[in-house]
Amino acid sequence: MMDIAAFTGSTAAIGYGLAAIGPGIGVGLVFSAYIQSTARQPESSRLTLPYVWIGFAVVEALALLGIAFGFIWQG
């Protein structure tokens, strides 16, 4: 009998692929909010730009945690 449910490969890679969906969406939301706010009030673009980079760094930290935990749990 053939085992259909068996698979080979790293489940950590699958886990990281799923964990990267959230930060990908988060980065898109951060930059879309900045673009919309700059389009509404162009004079505030220099004031809000540091917050964009802080938000980007926080969201990307989640992606780095996802890959780190994937390597930790792999072996």
C-alpha atoms as a PDB file:
ATOM      1  CA  MET A   1       0.000   0.000   0.000  1.00  0.00           C
ATOM      2  CA  MET A   2       1.331   3.415  -0.950  1.00  0.00           C
ATOM      3  CA  ASP A   3       1.500   6.014   1.790  1.00  0.00           C
ATOM      4  CA  ILE A   4      -0.006   9.143   0.269  1.00  0.00           C
ATOM      5  CA  ALA A   5       0.404  11.277   3.392  1.00  0.00           C
ATOM      6  CA  ALA A   6       4.184  10.810   3.576  1.00  0.00           C
ATOM      7  CA  PHE A   7       6.351  13.657   2.387  1.00  0.00           C
ATOM      8  CA  THR A   8      10.009  14.475   2.451  1.00  0.00           C
ATOM      9  CA  GLY A   9      11.696  17.779   3.017  1.00  0.00           C
ATOM     10  CA  SER A  10      12.002  20.306   5.756  1.00  0.00           C
ATOM     11  CA  THR A  11       8.895  21.278   7.639  1.00  0.00           C
ATOM     12  CA  ALA A  12      10.862  24.276   8.924  1.00  0.00           C
ATOM     13  CA  ALA A  13      10.874  25.691   5.389  1.00  0.00           C
ATOM     14  CA  ILE A  14       7.116  25.256   5.172  1.00  0.00           C
ATOM     15  CA  GLY A  15       6.728  26.903   8.555  1.00  0.00           C
ATOM     16  CA  TYR A  16       8.864  29.852   7.557  1.00  0.00           C
ATOM     17  CA  GLY A  17       6.944  30.238   4.324  1.00  0.00           C
ATOM     18  CA  LEU A  18       3.740  30.473   6.302  1.00  0.00           C
ATOM     19  CA  ALA A  19       5.347  32.780   8.872  1.00  0.00           C
ATOM     20  CA  ALA A  20       6.492  35.163   6.126  1.00  0.00           C
ATOM     21  CA  ILE A  21       2.933  35.862   4.995  1.00  0.00           C
ATOM     22  CA  GLY A  22       2.157  38.048   8.014  1.00  0.00           C
ATOM     23  CA  PRO A  23       5.202  40.323   7.771  1.00  0.00           C
ATOM     24  CA  GLY A  24       4.691  40.607   4.012  1.00  0.00           C
ATOM     25  CA  ILE A  25       1.190  41.897   4.544  1.00  0.00           C
ATOM     26  CA  GLY A  26       2.386  44.117   7.407  1.00  0.00           C
ATOM     27  CA  VAL A  27       5.073  45.802   5.309  1.00  0.00           C
ATOM     28  CA  GLY A  28       2.523  46.475   2.592  1.00  0.00           C
ATOM     29  CA  LEU A  29       0.153  48.061   5.096  1.00  0.00           C
ATOM     30  CA  VAL A  30       2.870  50.241   6.625  1.00  0.00           C
ATOM     31  CA  PHE A  31       3.997  51.660   3.308  1.00  0.00           C
ATOM     32  CA  SER A  32       0.471  52.035   1.918  1.00  0.00           C
ATOM     33  CA  ALA A  33      -0.501  54.058   4.989  1.00  0.00           C
ATOM     34  CA  TYR A  34       2.545  56.281   4.492  1.00  0.00           C
ATOM     35  CA  ILE A  35       1.759  56.816   0.821  1.00  0.00           C
ATOM     36  CA  GLN A  36      -1.852  57.688   1.619  1.00  0.00           C
ATOM     37  CA  SER A  37      -0.885  60.099   4.386  1.00  0.00           C
ATOM     38  CA  THR A  38       1.701  61.777   2.143  1.00  0.00           C
ATOM     39  CA  ALA A  39      -0.843  62.081  -0.651  1.00  0.00           C
ATOM     40  CA  ARG A  40      -3.303  63.765   1.717  1.00  0.00           C
ATOM     41  CA  GLN A  41      -0.780  66.075   3.406  1.00  0.00           C
ATOM     42  CA  PRO A  42       2.498  66.319   1.476  1.00  0.00           C
ATOM     43  CA  GLU A  43       4.017  68.734   3.979  1.00  0.00           C
ATOM     44  CA  SER A  44       3.960  66.072   6.708  1.00  0.00           C
ATOM     45  CA  SER A  45       6.035  63.534   4.772  1.00  0.00           C
ATOM     46  CA  ARG A  46       9.304  64.354   6.563  1.00  0.00           C
ATOM     47  CA  LEU A  47       7.542  64.189   9.918  1.00  0.00           C
ATOM     48  CA  THR A  48       6.049  60.739   9.369  1.00  0.00           C
ATOM     49  CA  LEU A  49       8.992  59.087   7.573  1.00  0.00           C
ATOM     50  CA  PRO A  50      10.820  57.988  10.765  1.00  0.00           C
ATOM     51  CA  TYR A  51       7.661  56.219  11.928  1.00  0.00           C
ATOM     52  CA  VAL A  52       7.540  54.336   8.636  1.00  0.00           C
ATOM     53  CA  TRP A  53      11.038  52.966   9.154  1.00  0.00           C
ATOM     54  CA  ILE A  54      10.309  52.067  12.784  1.00  0.00           C
ATOM     55  CA  GLY A  55       7.173  50.206  11.714  1.00  0.00           C
ATOM     56  CA  PHE A  56       9.077  48.483   8.921  1.00  0.00           C
ATOM     57  CA  ALA A  57      11.800  47.357  11.341  1.00  0.00           C
ATOM     58  CA  VAL A  58       9.294  45.986  13.850  1.00  0.00           C
ATOM     59  CA  VAL A  59       7.408  44.043  11.189  1.00  0.00           C
ATOM     60  CA  GLU A  60      10.612  42.644   9.683  1.00  0.00           C
ATOM     61  CA  ALA A  61      11.774  41.565  13.135  1.00  0.00           C
ATOM     62  CA  LEU A  62       8.812  39.189  13.141  1.00  0.00           C
ATOM     63  CA  ALA A  63      10.032  37.633   9.900  1.00  0.00           C
ATOM     64  CA  LEU A  64      13.516  37.188  11.339  1.00  0.00           C
ATOM     65  CA  LEU A  65      12.056  35.570  14.438  1.00  0.00           C
ATOM     66  CA  GLY A  66      10.099  33.227  12.192  1.00  0.00           C
ATOM     67  CA  ILE A  67      13.195  32.031  10.366  1.00  0.00           C
ATOM     68  CA  ALA A  68      15.183  31.759  13.608  1.00  0.00           C
ATOM     69  CA  PHE A  69      12.535  29.601  15.270  1.00  0.00           C
ATOM     70  CA  GLY A  70      12.347  27.500  12.141  1.00  0.00           C
ATOM     71  CA  PHE A  71      16.028  26.689  12.387  1.00  0.00           C
ATOM     72  CA  ILE A  72      15.779  26.086  16.132  1.00  0.00           C
ATOM     73  CA  TRP A  73      12.878  23.675  15.854  1.00  0.00           C
ATOM     74  CA  GLN A  74      14.319  21.914  12.816  1.00  0.00           C
ATOM     75  CA  GLY A  75      17.014  20.080  14.677  1.00  0.00           C
END
